[in-house]
Protein backbone atom coordinates (compact mmCIF):
# COMPACT_ATOMS: atom_id res chain seq x y z
CA MET A 1 2.61 15.61 5.01
CA SER A 2 0.80 12.26 4.62
CA LEU A 3 -2.27 14.17 3.31
CA LEU A 4 -0.23 15.55 0.40
CA ARG A 5 1.33 12.20 -0.44
CA ARG A 6 0.71 11.12 -4.04
CA ASN A 7 -0.99 7.87 -4.99
CA ARG A 8 1.55 5.41 -6.22
CA ILE A 9 1.62 2.83 -9.00
CA SER A 10 4.30 0.14 -9.07
CA ALA A 11 4.81 -1.61 -12.39
CA PHE A 12 6.82 -4.67 -13.32
CA LEU A 13 7.62 -4.97 -16.97
CA SER A 14 8.87 -8.11 -18.84
CA PRO A 15 8.75 -9.24 -22.41
CA HIS A 16 5.91 -11.60 -21.34
CA ARG A 17 3.61 -9.55 -19.10
CA VAL A 18 3.15 -6.34 -17.24
CA GLU A 19 2.03 -6.31 -13.65
CA LEU A 20 0.57 -3.16 -12.05
CA VAL A 21 -0.12 -2.46 -8.40
CA ARG A 22 -2.09 0.67 -7.48
CA LEU A 23 -1.52 2.03 -3.97
CA GLN A 24 -3.84 4.74 -3.02
CA ARG A 25 -3.75 7.12 -0.03
CA HIS A 26 -5.45 5.77 3.07
CA VAL A 27 -5.58 2.21 1.59
CA LYS A 28 -3.60 -0.59 3.19
CA PRO A 29 -0.95 -2.21 1.00
CA GLY A 30 -2.64 -5.59 1.34
CA GLN A 31 -5.80 -4.12 -0.24
CA ALA A 32 -3.97 -2.64 -3.23
CA GLU A 33 -5.38 -3.26 -6.58
CA ARG A 34 -3.28 -5.63 -8.82
CA GLN A 35 -3.54 -6.08 -12.55
CA VAL A 36 -1.72 -8.52 -14.78
CA ALA A 37 -1.78 -8.55 -18.57
CA ALA A 38 0.09 -10.44 -21.22
CA CYS A 39 2.15 -8.47 -23.69
CA GLU A 40 1.07 -8.57 -27.26
CA ARG A 41 3.97 -9.67 -29.44
CA ALA A 42 4.45 -7.53 -32.60
CA GLY A 43 6.77 -9.23 -34.89
CA GLU A 44 10.45 -8.35 -34.78
CA GLY A 45 10.10 -4.96 -33.15
CA ILE A 46 12.17 -3.46 -30.23
CA ALA A 47 12.54 -5.91 -27.41
CA TRP A 48 10.88 -3.68 -24.87
CA GLY A 49 8.27 -2.20 -27.25
CA ALA A 50 5.44 -4.65 -26.42
CA ALA A 51 5.90 -4.11 -22.67
CA LEU A 52 5.75 -0.32 -23.05
CA ALA A 53 2.79 -0.49 -25.21
CA GLN A 54 0.96 -2.72 -22.70
CA LEU A 55 1.89 -0.42 -19.84
CA LYS A 56 0.36 2.46 -21.73
CA ARG A 57 -2.93 0.52 -22.15
CA MET A 58 -3.09 -0.30 -18.46
CA LEU A 59 -2.11 3.13 -16.90
CA PRO A 60 -4.97 5.33 -15.74
CA ALA A 61 -4.75 8.89 -17.13
CA GLY A 62 -4.69 12.14 -15.23
CA THR A 63 -4.30 10.73 -11.65
CA GLY A 64 -1.13 12.65 -10.83
CA ALA A 65 0.23 9.47 -9.34
CA GLU A 66 3.89 8.52 -8.82
CA ILE A 67 4.94 5.53 -10.91
CA HIS A 68 7.76 3.14 -9.77
CA VAL A 69 8.99 0.76 -12.51
CA LEU A 70 10.64 -2.55 -11.95
CA LEU A 71 12.36 -3.99 -15.04
CA SER A 72 12.71 -7.70 -15.81
CA ASN A 73 16.31 -8.91 -16.18
CA HIS A 74 15.54 -9.51 -19.87
CA PHE A 75 15.88 -5.82 -20.45
CA VAL A 76 18.98 -5.26 -18.38
CA ARG A 77 22.62 -6.05 -18.83
CA TYR A 78 25.06 -6.37 -15.96
CA ALA A 79 28.73 -6.47 -15.30
CA VAL A 80 31.01 -6.65 -12.33
CA ILE A 81 33.11 -3.57 -12.00
CA PRO A 82 36.41 -4.78 -10.43
CA PRO A 83 38.04 -2.99 -7.54
CA GLN A 84 40.36 -0.09 -8.47
CA SER A 85 42.13 1.97 -5.86
CA GLY A 86 42.98 4.81 -8.24
CA ILE A 87 39.28 6.02 -8.78
CA GLU A 88 38.69 9.22 -6.76
CA THR A 89 35.67 11.03 -8.43
CA PRO A 90 32.25 9.95 -9.69
CA ALA A 91 33.27 11.05 -13.23
CA GLU A 92 36.25 8.59 -13.10
CA LEU A 93 34.04 5.86 -11.77
CA GLN A 94 31.51 6.42 -14.57
CA ALA A 95 34.38 6.27 -17.24
CA TYR A 96 35.77 3.14 -15.64
CA ALA A 97 32.31 1.53 -15.70
CA ALA A 98 31.74 2.45 -19.23
CA PHE A 99 35.04 1.00 -20.24
CA GLN A 100 34.38 -2.37 -18.57
CA MET A 101 30.91 -2.54 -20.13
CA ARG A 102 32.37 -1.87 -23.67
CA GLU A 103 34.89 -4.59 -23.07
CA ILE A 104 32.11 -7.10 -22.47
CA TYR A 105 29.27 -5.78 -24.75
CA GLY A 106 31.01 -3.71 -27.43
CA GLU A 107 30.03 -0.40 -28.93
CA ARG A 108 26.26 -0.85 -28.57
CA THR A 109 26.83 0.24 -24.91
CA GLY A 110 26.85 3.85 -26.37
CA GLU A 111 23.02 3.58 -26.58
CA TRP A 112 22.72 2.41 -22.91
CA GLU A 113 22.24 4.32 -19.66
CA LEU A 114 24.54 3.01 -17.01
CA THR A 115 23.91 2.95 -13.30
CA ILE A 116 26.40 1.70 -10.69
CA SER A 117 25.80 0.21 -7.26
CA SER A 118 27.46 1.48 -4.14
CA TRP A 119 31.21 1.72 -4.97
CA ASP A 120 34.01 0.54 -2.75
CA PRO A 121 37.54 0.59 -4.11
CA ALA A 122 38.28 -2.62 -2.20
CA THR A 123 35.19 -4.62 -3.29
CA GLY A 124 34.05 -3.13 -6.57
CA ALA A 125 30.46 -2.72 -7.77
CA VAL A 126 27.95 -3.93 -10.22
CA CYS A 127 26.97 -1.93 -13.26
CA ALA A 128 23.44 -2.17 -14.81
CA ALA A 129 22.60 -0.94 -18.23
CA VAL A 130 19.30 -0.24 -19.88
CA GLU A 131 18.59 1.07 -23.41
CA ARG A 132 18.26 4.81 -23.32
CA GLY A 133 15.37 4.71 -25.74
CA PHE A 134 13.41 2.47 -23.30
CA LEU A 135 13.97 4.93 -20.40
CA GLN A 136 13.03 7.89 -22.54
CA GLY A 137 9.89 6.00 -23.55
CA LEU A 138 8.93 5.60 -19.91
CA GLU A 139 9.51 9.24 -19.13
CA GLU A 140 7.43 10.30 -22.14
CA LEU A 141 4.58 7.88 -21.20
CA ALA A 142 4.51 9.07 -17.56
CA GLY A 143 4.35 12.71 -18.75
CA SER A 144 1.57 12.02 -21.23
CA GLN A 145 -0.46 10.40 -18.43
CA ARG A 146 0.30 13.39 -16.04
CA MET A 147 2.29 11.07 -13.77
CA LYS A 148 5.69 11.42 -12.13
CA LEU A 149 8.22 8.72 -12.93
CA LYS A 150 9.81 8.24 -9.52
CA TYR A 151 12.42 5.72 -10.37
CA VAL A 152 13.20 2.71 -12.69
CA GLU A 153 14.94 -0.19 -11.02
CA PRO A 154 16.31 -3.52 -12.26
CA TYR A 155 14.61 -6.63 -10.83
CA PHE A 156 18.03 -8.08 -9.68
CA THR A 157 18.83 -4.80 -7.83
CA SER A 158 15.48 -4.64 -6.04
CA VAL A 159 15.74 -8.31 -4.82
CA PHE A 160 19.38 -8.04 -3.82
CA ASP A 161 18.93 -4.85 -1.83
CA HIS A 162 15.97 -6.34 0.10
CA TRP A 163 17.83 -9.44 1.20
CA HIS A 164 21.49 -8.36 0.97
CA ASP A 165 22.14 -9.12 4.58
CA ARG A 166 21.22 -12.76 4.13
CA PHE A 167 24.33 -13.41 2.07
CA GLY A 168 26.86 -13.66 4.96
CA LYS A 169 30.50 -12.70 5.08
CA GLY A 170 32.09 -15.65 3.18
CA ARG A 171 31.25 -16.88 -0.29
CA ALA A 172 27.68 -16.27 -1.25
CA TRP A 173 25.75 -17.46 -4.33
CA PHE A 174 22.53 -15.59 -5.28
CA ALA A 175 20.13 -16.75 -7.95
CA LEU A 176 17.10 -14.88 -9.23
CA ILE A 177 14.74 -16.77 -11.63
CA GLU A 178 11.90 -15.39 -13.54
CA THR A 179 10.08 -16.54 -16.73
CA GLY A 180 12.78 -17.51 -19.26
CA ARG A 181 15.67 -15.84 -17.41
CA LEU A 182 18.31 -16.70 -14.76
CA CYS A 183 20.39 -14.11 -13.02
CA LEU A 184 23.25 -15.61 -10.91
CA ALA A 185 25.73 -13.68 -8.82
CA LEU A 186 28.73 -14.59 -6.67
CA LEU A 187 30.16 -12.58 -3.82
CA GLU A 188 33.04 -13.32 -1.52
CA ARG A 189 33.50 -11.29 1.71
CA GLY A 190 31.39 -8.56 0.27
CA ALA A 191 33.34 -8.26 -3.05
CA TRP A 192 31.57 -8.92 -6.34
CA LEU A 193 33.22 -11.75 -8.28
CA ARG A 194 30.60 -12.58 -10.98
CA ILE A 195 27.16 -11.83 -12.35
CA LEU A 196 25.61 -13.89 -14.99
CA ASN A 197 22.37 -12.96 -16.72
CA GLN A 198 21.20 -15.68 -19.28
CA ARG A 199 18.14 -17.10 -20.89
CA ILE A 200 16.42 -20.28 -19.63
CA LEU A 201 15.69 -22.43 -22.63
CA ASP A 202 14.12 -25.56 -21.19
CA ASP A 203 14.49 -27.13 -17.74
CA VAL A 204 14.82 -24.59 -14.88
CA GLU A 205 16.41 -26.92 -12.34
CA GLU A 206 18.86 -28.37 -14.84
CA GLU A 207 19.97 -25.07 -16.24
CA LEU A 208 20.43 -23.67 -12.65
CA LEU A 209 22.52 -26.66 -11.71
CA VAL A 210 24.64 -26.39 -14.92
CA ALA A 211 25.21 -22.68 -14.37
CA LEU A 212 26.25 -23.17 -10.75
CA GLU A 213 28.66 -25.95 -11.55
CA ARG A 214 30.29 -24.01 -14.44
CA GLU A 215 30.69 -20.94 -12.36
CA ALA A 216 32.01 -22.77 -9.40
CA LEU A 217 34.79 -24.26 -11.64
CA LEU A 218 35.72 -20.88 -12.94
CA PHE A 219 36.12 -19.59 -9.35
CA SER A 220 37.90 -22.68 -7.93
CA ALA A 221 35.41 -24.02 -5.58
CA PRO A 222 36.93 -26.79 -3.50
CA ALA A 223 36.09 -30.21 -5.02
CA GLY A 224 33.52 -32.24 -3.07
CA THR A 225 32.29 -29.35 -0.94
CA SER A 226 28.62 -28.53 -0.46
CA GLU A 227 27.52 -25.02 -1.15
CA GLN A 228 24.33 -23.07 -0.66
CA VAL A 229 22.60 -20.87 -3.15
CA CYS A 230 20.22 -18.15 -2.01
CA LEU A 231 17.22 -18.25 -4.24
CA PHE A 232 14.26 -16.09 -5.16
CA ALA A 233 12.00 -17.75 -7.71
CA PRO A 234 8.41 -16.85 -7.05
CA GLU A 235 7.23 -18.51 -10.22
CA HIS A 236 8.88 -21.75 -9.19
CA PRO A 237 8.05 -22.23 -5.41
CA GLY A 238 8.91 -25.93 -5.30
CA LEU A 239 12.28 -25.67 -7.15
CA ALA A 240 14.96 -28.06 -5.78
CA LEU A 241 18.29 -29.37 -6.94
CA PRO A 242 19.07 -33.10 -6.94
CA GLU A 243 20.28 -34.70 -3.83
CA GLY A 244 24.01 -35.33 -4.05
CA SER A 245 24.55 -32.55 -6.46
CA GLY A 246 26.60 -30.62 -3.87
CA TRP A 247 24.12 -27.65 -3.92
CA GLN A 248 21.52 -26.70 -1.38
CA ILE A 249 18.81 -24.12 -2.11
CA VAL A 250 18.08 -21.56 0.53
CA PRO A 251 14.81 -19.72 -0.15
CA LEU A 252 15.22 -15.97 0.47
CA GLU A 253 11.51 -15.38 1.20
CA ASP A 254 10.16 -16.62 4.48
CA LYS A 255 7.93 -15.47 7.25
CA THR A 256 10.60 -13.39 8.94
CA ARG A 257 11.43 -11.51 5.66
CA PRO A 258 8.63 -11.68 3.10
CA ALA A 259 9.11 -10.10 -0.35
CA PRO A 260 8.13 -6.45 -0.71
CA GLY A 261 4.82 -5.78 -2.38
CA PRO A 262 5.90 -4.41 -5.71
CA LEU A 263 7.81 -7.53 -6.69
CA PRO A 264 6.10 -9.81 -9.16
CA PHE A 265 4.49 -12.84 -7.57
CA GLN A 266 2.16 -14.27 -10.30
CA SER A 267 2.59 -17.87 -11.25
CA HIS A 268 2.27 -19.18 -14.79
CA ASP A 269 -1.24 -20.43 -13.99
CA ARG A 270 -2.44 -17.11 -12.72
CA ASP A 271 -1.02 -15.38 -15.73
CA ARG A 272 -3.01 -17.62 -18.00
CA ASN A 273 -6.19 -17.00 -16.10
CA THR A 274 -5.82 -13.24 -15.95
């Protein structure tokens, strides 16, 4: 079977850049070819249009490869789907998630494709939404290059799934930071309580601390207690919160559990030199 396995291309798409990793048969993952290119801004066009156009310029044609796409959180909208014991079928769950998304984002959700994490009536789930036109564009691009679009996955989902067992059984904060974007989630005993996906406008450390303090107030964190936040921020390896803030950063990536290869690693300096 391994002789028939397709070559694989992993792509990370953000408004700022596209990263491409080409994994070929019989080549070790550490020797994979990686390309990084900045997206060319084109006025007030579709938010994801520049990333799709840059991916098209970078993809090799006619290879028959599989392509796996990881989407920046800039392109994804999230919502917690609260527990609901009365849901019995996938169709009911889809309708319930669509209702919850409309309550938050309005009628524009009609143009979005919704995906739902593993559902448990007792703990709920997270719903992720991507513009349908973006997904169609990726399908059409893969077809035009004679490739197979294997899957499209949000950045948050990929990182959470890789390290989900690090979040413990009690209250767990999880922060994912990329260029210009903070995604922050809160779980308690396995149940989703909150997911926040917001722009970073200026200082990363300050905006992370403000978001943590605001969300902790909303969910009645005991005053004066110290809490930990599990963090993945490959573009900010030295990120720390002030002593005495009541928050301690726990990096998710370490020698015992490194990040998987397809995740973006490039720092700002590397991007500028690419």
